[in-house]
Amino acid sequence: MSSPNELRLFISSTFRDLQEEREHLVKKVFPAIRSLCRSRGVTFTEVDLRWGLTEEDAMLGQVIRTCLEEIDKCRPYFIGMIGERYGWVPELHEVMRDPELLVRYPWIEDATLDGASVTEMEFIHGVFDAPSVAKENACFYHRIGSDNDVDDPERLDDLVDKVRASDRPMREFRDLEELGRCVERDLIRMI
């Protein structure tokens, strides 16, 4: 869990279809947020696991546990982005490679059997099953206007519906600039 003088933000999305959006946030939005936080005596840290997951984590089946542990360290701050991909759906045998995962997060077995993607598991753990996370500290952003490379349209639509039903802010965006403005406004509100 974040300390009182830290805004540690977990960024959740599929990697393949939202690379540009993540880069835009890291290079254009987060520096301004970091500066604003610093002026108020707060440390801003974004947790973007594109850089934090290793080949060894994958081989040992520890990718999911690493994601969930980072969400715990960032709680209550979370943003989820949805594009055209539902994301990687792990097989049960992949989940079983990490026995500590099922001990610490027993609900993962059912989520895996239900065919949940790692992104959906992050949304579940970070927001859907976290009633103590205040509404304004968890926001979602949905890119609209493109149907390229949709990997599982039915599951993706279900995930969007779950986000809408979560009663957490969900902003729709069409381009990088619009996403940046939305995220910046929401983060300033969190600060």
C-alpha atoms as a PDB file:
ATOM      1  CA  MET A   1       0.000   0.000   0.000  1.00  0.00           C
ATOM      2  CA  SER A   2       1.250   3.473  -0.858  1.00  0.00           C
ATOM      3  CA  SER A   3       2.573   5.672   1.947  1.00  0.00           C
ATOM      4  CA  PRO A   4       0.745   8.941   2.757  1.00  0.00           C
ATOM      5  CA  ASN A   5       3.421  10.948   0.918  1.00  0.00           C
ATOM      6  CA  GLU A   6       3.439   8.760  -2.166  1.00  0.00           C
ATOM      7  CA  LEU A   7       1.098   8.413  -5.097  1.00  0.00           C
ATOM      8  CA  ARG A   8       2.152   5.044  -6.504  1.00  0.00           C
ATOM      9  CA  LEU A   9       0.028   4.391  -9.587  1.00  0.00           C
ATOM     10  CA  PHE A  10      -0.498   0.971 -11.174  1.00  0.00           C
ATOM     11  CA  ILE A  11      -1.096   1.075 -14.936  1.00  0.00           C
ATOM     12  CA  SER A  12      -3.037  -1.882 -16.303  1.00  0.00           C
ATOM     13  CA  SER A  13      -3.664  -2.688 -19.945  1.00  0.00           C
ATOM     14  CA  THR A  14      -2.763  -5.175 -22.581  1.00  0.00           C
ATOM     15  CA  PHE A  15       0.706  -4.422 -23.882  1.00  0.00           C
ATOM     16  CA  ARG A  16       0.381  -5.063 -27.613  1.00  0.00           C
ATOM     17  CA  ASP A  17      -2.340  -2.602 -28.524  1.00  0.00           C
ATOM     18  CA  LEU A  18      -1.713   0.229 -26.055  1.00  0.00           C
ATOM     19  CA  GLN A  19       2.061   0.802 -26.361  1.00  0.00           C
ATOM     20  CA  GLU A  20       1.657   4.290 -27.820  1.00  0.00           C
ATOM     21  CA  GLU A  21      -0.779   5.292 -25.092  1.00  0.00           C
ATOM     22  CA  ARG A  22       1.569   4.089 -22.352  1.00  0.00           C
ATOM     23  CA  GLU A  23       4.497   5.919 -23.953  1.00  0.00           C
ATOM     24  CA  HIS A  24       2.458   9.116 -24.238  1.00  0.00           C
ATOM     25  CA  LEU A  25       1.570   8.985 -20.547  1.00  0.00           C
ATOM     26  CA  VAL A  26       5.163   8.265 -19.500  1.00  0.00           C
ATOM     27  CA  LYS A  27       6.704  10.978 -21.672  1.00  0.00           C
ATOM     28  CA  LYS A  28       4.045  13.715 -21.759  1.00  0.00           C
ATOM     29  CA  VAL A  29       1.681  13.413 -18.790  1.00  0.00           C
ATOM     30  CA  PHE A  30       3.586  11.839 -15.910  1.00  0.00           C
ATOM     31  CA  PRO A  31       6.478  14.373 -15.853  1.00  0.00           C
ATOM     32  CA  ALA A  32       3.985  17.197 -15.180  1.00  0.00           C
ATOM     33  CA  ILE A  33       2.220  15.098 -12.532  1.00  0.00           C
ATOM     34  CA  ARG A  34       5.564  14.228 -10.924  1.00  0.00           C
ATOM     35  CA  SER A  35       6.466  17.927 -10.759  1.00  0.00           C
ATOM     36  CA  LEU A  36       3.103  18.884  -9.252  1.00  0.00           C
ATOM     37  CA  CYS A  37       3.398  16.109  -6.670  1.00  0.00           C
ATOM     38  CA  ARG A  38       6.949  17.157  -5.771  1.00  0.00           C
ATOM     39  CA  SER A  39       5.738  20.736  -5.162  1.00  0.00           C
ATOM     40  CA  ARG A  40       3.240  19.314  -2.666  1.00  0.00           C
ATOM     41  CA  GLY A  41       5.713  17.032  -0.893  1.00  0.00           C
ATOM     42  CA  VAL A  42       4.399  13.885  -2.577  1.00  0.00           C
ATOM     43  CA  THR A  43       6.406  11.340  -4.549  1.00  0.00           C
ATOM     44  CA  PHE A  44       4.761  10.169  -7.769  1.00  0.00           C
ATOM     45  CA  THR A  45       5.713   6.742  -9.092  1.00  0.00           C
ATOM     46  CA  GLU A  46       4.091   4.991 -12.008  1.00  0.00           C
ATOM     47  CA  VAL A  47       4.254   1.209 -12.089  1.00  0.00           C
ATOM     48  CA  ASP A  48       4.315   0.061 -15.689  1.00  0.00           C
ATOM     49  CA  LEU A  49       5.247  -3.610 -15.780  1.00  0.00           C
ATOM     50  CA  ARG A  50       6.338  -3.491 -19.406  1.00  0.00           C
ATOM     51  CA  TRP A  51       9.761  -2.894 -17.868  1.00  0.00           C
ATOM     52  CA  GLY A  52       9.469  -5.004 -14.738  1.00  0.00           C
ATOM     53  CA  LEU A  53       8.650  -8.517 -15.905  1.00  0.00           C
ATOM     54  CA  THR A  54      11.551 -10.785 -16.739  1.00  0.00           C
ATOM     55  CA  GLU A  55      11.915 -13.899 -18.834  1.00  0.00           C
ATOM     56  CA  GLU A  56      12.608 -15.726 -15.570  1.00  0.00           C
ATOM     57  CA  ASP A  57       9.275 -14.519 -14.128  1.00  0.00           C
ATOM     58  CA  ALA A  58       7.529 -15.979 -17.169  1.00  0.00           C
ATOM     59  CA  MET A  59       9.424 -19.287 -17.014  1.00  0.00           C
ATOM     60  CA  LEU A  60       8.634 -19.684 -13.310  1.00  0.00           C
ATOM     61  CA  GLY A  61       4.986 -18.732 -13.839  1.00  0.00           C
ATOM     62  CA  GLN A  62       5.322 -15.667 -11.612  1.00  0.00           C
ATOM     63  CA  VAL A  63       3.964 -13.017 -13.989  1.00  0.00           C
ATOM     64  CA  ILE A  64       0.486 -12.933 -12.460  1.00  0.00           C
ATOM     65  CA  ARG A  65       1.749 -12.876  -8.870  1.00  0.00           C
ATOM     66  CA  THR A  66       4.159 -10.048  -9.708  1.00  0.00           C
ATOM     67  CA  CYS A  67       1.284  -8.026 -11.198  1.00  0.00           C
ATOM     68  CA  LEU A  68      -0.994  -8.582  -8.192  1.00  0.00           C
ATOM     69  CA  GLU A  69       1.773  -7.819  -5.688  1.00  0.00           C
ATOM     70  CA  GLU A  70       2.486  -4.539  -7.466  1.00  0.00           C
ATOM     71  CA  ILE A  71      -1.211  -3.658  -7.380  1.00  0.00           C
ATOM     72  CA  ASP A  72      -1.130  -4.265  -3.614  1.00  0.00           C
ATOM     73  CA  LYS A  73       1.868  -1.913  -3.291  1.00  0.00           C
ATOM     74  CA  CYS A  74       0.063   0.768  -5.318  1.00  0.00           C
ATOM     75  CA  ARG A  75      -3.312   0.482  -3.631  1.00  0.00           C
ATOM     76  CA  PRO A  76      -5.497   2.558  -3.796  1.00  0.00           C
ATOM     77  CA  TYR A  77      -4.182   4.141  -7.045  1.00  0.00           C
ATOM     78  CA  PHE A  78      -5.025   2.323 -10.277  1.00  0.00           C
ATOM     79  CA  ILE A  79      -5.707   3.125 -13.897  1.00  0.00           C
ATOM     80  CA  GLY A  80      -6.910   0.594 -16.437  1.00  0.00           C
ATOM     81  CA  MET A  81      -6.828   1.112 -20.178  1.00  0.00           C
ATOM     82  CA  ILE A  82      -8.833  -0.891 -22.681  1.00  0.00           C
ATOM     83  CA  GLY A  83      -8.129  -1.003 -26.399  1.00  0.00           C
ATOM     84  CA  GLU A  84      -8.984  -3.697 -28.926  1.00  0.00           C
ATOM     85  CA  ARG A  85      -7.406  -6.668 -27.207  1.00  0.00           C
ATOM     86  CA  TYR A  86      -8.723  -8.754 -24.333  1.00  0.00           C
ATOM     87  CA  GLY A  87      -5.231  -9.951 -23.629  1.00  0.00           C
ATOM     88  CA  TRP A  88      -3.260 -13.010 -22.636  1.00  0.00           C
ATOM     89  CA  VAL A  89      -5.377 -15.753 -21.068  1.00  0.00           C
ATOM     90  CA  PRO A  90      -3.141 -18.058 -19.038  1.00  0.00           C
ATOM     91  CA  GLU A  91      -3.738 -21.798 -18.957  1.00  0.00           C
ATOM     92  CA  LEU A  92      -4.252 -23.480 -15.588  1.00  0.00           C
ATOM     93  CA  HIS A  93      -0.942 -25.348 -15.875  1.00  0.00           C
ATOM     94  CA  GLU A  94       0.833 -21.973 -16.235  1.00  0.00           C
ATOM     95  CA  VAL A  95      -0.838 -20.682 -13.084  1.00  0.00           C
ATOM     96  CA  MET A  96      -0.009 -23.882 -11.201  1.00  0.00           C
ATOM     97  CA  ARG A  97       3.734 -23.310 -11.781  1.00  0.00           C
ATOM     98  CA  ASP A  98       3.602 -20.693  -9.022  1.00  0.00           C
ATOM     99  CA  PRO A  99       2.154 -22.377  -5.913  1.00  0.00           C
ATOM    100  CA  GLU A 100       2.578 -19.158  -3.903  1.00  0.00           C
ATOM    101  CA  LEU A 101       0.157 -17.412  -6.286  1.00  0.00           C
ATOM    102  CA  LEU A 102      -2.741 -19.677  -5.327  1.00  0.00           C
ATOM    103  CA  VAL A 103      -1.897 -19.469  -1.638  1.00  0.00           C
ATOM    104  CA  ARG A 104      -1.903 -15.665  -1.631  1.00  0.00           C
ATOM    105  CA  TYR A 105      -4.641 -15.162  -4.232  1.00  0.00           C
ATOM    106  CA  PRO A 106      -6.870 -18.270  -4.196  1.00  0.00           C
ATOM    107  CA  TRP A 107      -9.494 -16.654  -6.458  1.00  0.00           C
ATOM    108  CA  ILE A 108      -7.021 -16.849  -9.367  1.00  0.00           C
ATOM    109  CA  GLU A 109      -7.787 -20.532  -9.922  1.00  0.00           C
ATOM    110  CA  ASP A 110     -11.477 -19.800 -10.609  1.00  0.00           C
ATOM    111  CA  ALA A 111     -10.597 -16.777 -12.742  1.00  0.00           C
ATOM    112  CA  THR A 112      -8.234 -18.929 -14.801  1.00  0.00           C
ATOM    113  CA  LEU A 113     -10.828 -21.662 -15.213  1.00  0.00           C
ATOM    114  CA  ASP A 114     -13.301 -18.976 -16.324  1.00  0.00           C
ATOM    115  CA  GLY A 115     -10.839 -17.873 -19.022  1.00  0.00           C
ATOM    116  CA  ALA A 116      -9.957 -14.460 -17.561  1.00  0.00           C
ATOM    117  CA  SER A 117      -7.069 -12.572 -19.130  1.00  0.00           C
ATOM    118  CA  VAL A 118      -4.275 -11.227 -16.954  1.00  0.00           C
ATOM    119  CA  THR A 119      -5.619  -7.730 -17.649  1.00  0.00           C
ATOM    120  CA  GLU A 120      -9.045  -8.710 -16.337  1.00  0.00           C
ATOM    121  CA  MET A 121      -7.386 -10.310 -13.289  1.00  0.00           C
ATOM    122  CA  GLU A 122      -5.629  -6.989 -12.635  1.00  0.00           C
ATOM    123  CA  PHE A 123      -8.955  -5.141 -12.926  1.00  0.00           C
ATOM    124  CA  ILE A 124     -10.590  -7.636 -10.540  1.00  0.00           C
ATOM    125  CA  HIS A 125      -7.858  -7.380  -7.933  1.00  0.00           C
ATOM    126  CA  GLY A 126      -7.186  -3.666  -8.281  1.00  0.00           C
ATOM    127  CA  VAL A 127     -10.774  -2.426  -8.434  1.00  0.00           C
ATOM    128  CA  PHE A 128     -13.710  -4.823  -8.808  1.00  0.00           C
ATOM    129  CA  ASP A 129     -12.942  -6.826  -5.643  1.00  0.00           C
ATOM    130  CA  ALA A 130     -11.512  -3.857  -3.741  1.00  0.00           C
ATOM    131  CA  PRO A 131     -14.449  -2.004  -2.179  1.00  0.00           C
ATOM    132  CA  SER A 132     -12.111   0.013   0.051  1.00  0.00           C
ATOM    133  CA  VAL A 133     -10.574   1.727  -2.989  1.00  0.00           C
ATOM    134  CA  ALA A 134     -12.278   5.111  -3.279  1.00  0.00           C
ATOM    135  CA  LYS A 135     -14.076   5.771  -6.531  1.00  0.00           C
ATOM    136  CA  GLU A 136     -11.826   8.671  -7.492  1.00  0.00           C
ATOM    137  CA  ASN A 137      -8.603   6.664  -7.001  1.00  0.00           C
ATOM    138  CA  ALA A 138      -9.312   4.108  -9.726  1.00  0.00           C
ATOM    139  CA  CYS A 139     -10.111   5.215 -13.259  1.00  0.00           C
ATOM    140  CA  PHE A 140     -10.559   3.472 -16.587  1.00  0.00           C
ATOM    141  CA  TYR A 141      -9.926   4.689 -20.115  1.00  0.00           C
ATOM    142  CA  HIS A 142     -11.444   3.043 -23.183  1.00  0.00           C
ATOM    143  CA  ARG A 143     -10.105   3.726 -26.657  1.00  0.00           C
ATOM    144  CA  ILE A 144     -12.953   3.902 -29.153  1.00  0.00           C
ATOM    145  CA  GLY A 145     -13.111   4.243 -32.889  1.00  0.00           C
ATOM    146  CA  SER A 146     -10.878   1.378 -33.965  1.00  0.00           C
ATOM    147  CA  ASP A 147     -11.673  -2.286 -34.419  1.00  0.00           C
ATOM    148  CA  ASN A 148      -8.233  -3.391 -35.577  1.00  0.00           C
ATOM    149  CA  ASP A 149      -6.785  -6.626 -34.241  1.00  0.00           C
ATOM    150  CA  VAL A 150      -9.639  -7.482 -31.831  1.00  0.00           C
ATOM    151  CA  ASP A 151      -8.577 -10.763 -30.248  1.00  0.00           C
ATOM    152  CA  ASP A 152     -11.728 -11.785 -28.352  1.00  0.00           C
ATOM    153  CA  PRO A 153     -14.596  -9.351 -29.026  1.00  0.00           C
ATOM    154  CA  GLU A 154     -17.117 -11.077 -26.748  1.00  0.00           C
ATOM    155  CA  ARG A 155     -14.809 -11.191 -23.714  1.00  0.00           C
ATOM    156  CA  LEU A 156     -13.638  -7.661 -24.431  1.00  0.00           C
ATOM    157  CA  ASP A 157     -17.234  -6.386 -24.537  1.00  0.00           C
ATOM    158  CA  ASP A 158     -17.936  -8.214 -21.259  1.00  0.00           C
ATOM    159  CA  LEU A 159     -14.912  -6.556 -19.655  1.00  0.00           C
ATOM    160  CA  VAL A 160     -16.049  -3.111 -20.816  1.00  0.00           C
ATOM    161  CA  ASP A 161     -19.498  -3.854 -19.352  1.00  0.00           C
ATOM    162  CA  LYS A 162     -17.913  -4.892 -16.021  1.00  0.00           C
ATOM    163  CA  VAL A 163     -15.954  -1.651 -15.911  1.00  0.00           C
ATOM    164  CA  ARG A 164     -19.112   0.370 -16.560  1.00  0.00           C
ATOM    165  CA  ALA A 165     -20.966  -1.591 -13.856  1.00  0.00           C
ATOM    166  CA  SER A 166     -18.146  -0.977 -11.352  1.00  0.00           C
ATOM    167  CA  ASP A 167     -19.324   2.612 -10.836  1.00  0.00           C
ATOM    168  CA  ARG A 168     -15.750   3.848 -11.306  1.00  0.00           C
ATOM    169  CA  PRO A 169     -14.923   6.661 -13.696  1.00  0.00           C
ATOM    170  CA  MET A 170     -14.608   5.411 -17.276  1.00  0.00           C
ATOM    171  CA  ARG A 171     -13.445   7.874 -19.892  1.00  0.00           C
ATOM    172  CA  GLU A 172     -13.556   7.215 -23.599  1.00  0.00           C
ATOM    173  CA  PHE A 173     -10.808   8.562 -25.833  1.00  0.00           C
ATOM    174  CA  ARG A 174     -10.044   8.568 -29.545  1.00  0.00           C
ATOM    175  CA  ASP A 175      -6.412   9.716 -29.594  1.00  0.00           C
ATOM    176  CA  LEU A 176      -3.317  10.182 -27.450  1.00  0.00           C
ATOM    177  CA  GLU A 177      -3.978  13.832 -26.681  1.00  0.00           C
ATOM    178  CA  GLU A 178      -7.496  13.141 -25.430  1.00  0.00           C
ATOM    179  CA  LEU A 179      -6.231  10.281 -23.260  1.00  0.00           C
ATOM    180  CA  GLY A 180      -3.496  12.515 -21.874  1.00  0.00           C
ATOM    181  CA  ARG A 181      -5.941  15.256 -20.926  1.00  0.00           C
ATOM    182  CA  CYS A 182      -8.284  12.774 -19.215  1.00  0.00           C
ATOM    183  CA  VAL A 183      -5.523  11.046 -17.238  1.00  0.00           C
ATOM    184  CA  GLU A 184      -3.943  14.352 -16.216  1.00  0.00           C
ATOM    185  CA  ARG A 185      -7.288  15.701 -14.932  1.00  0.00           C
ATOM    186  CA  ASP A 186      -7.991  12.506 -12.998  1.00  0.00           C
ATOM    187  CA  LEU A 187      -4.503  12.391 -11.456  1.00  0.00           C
ATOM    188  CA  ILE A 188      -4.664  16.039 -10.412  1.00  0.00           C
ATOM    189  CA  ARG A 189      -7.952  15.229  -8.680  1.00  0.00           C
ATOM    190  CA  MET A 190      -6.272  12.300  -6.882  1.00  0.00           C
ATOM    191  CA  ILE A 191      -3.448  14.515  -5.663  1.00  0.00           C
END
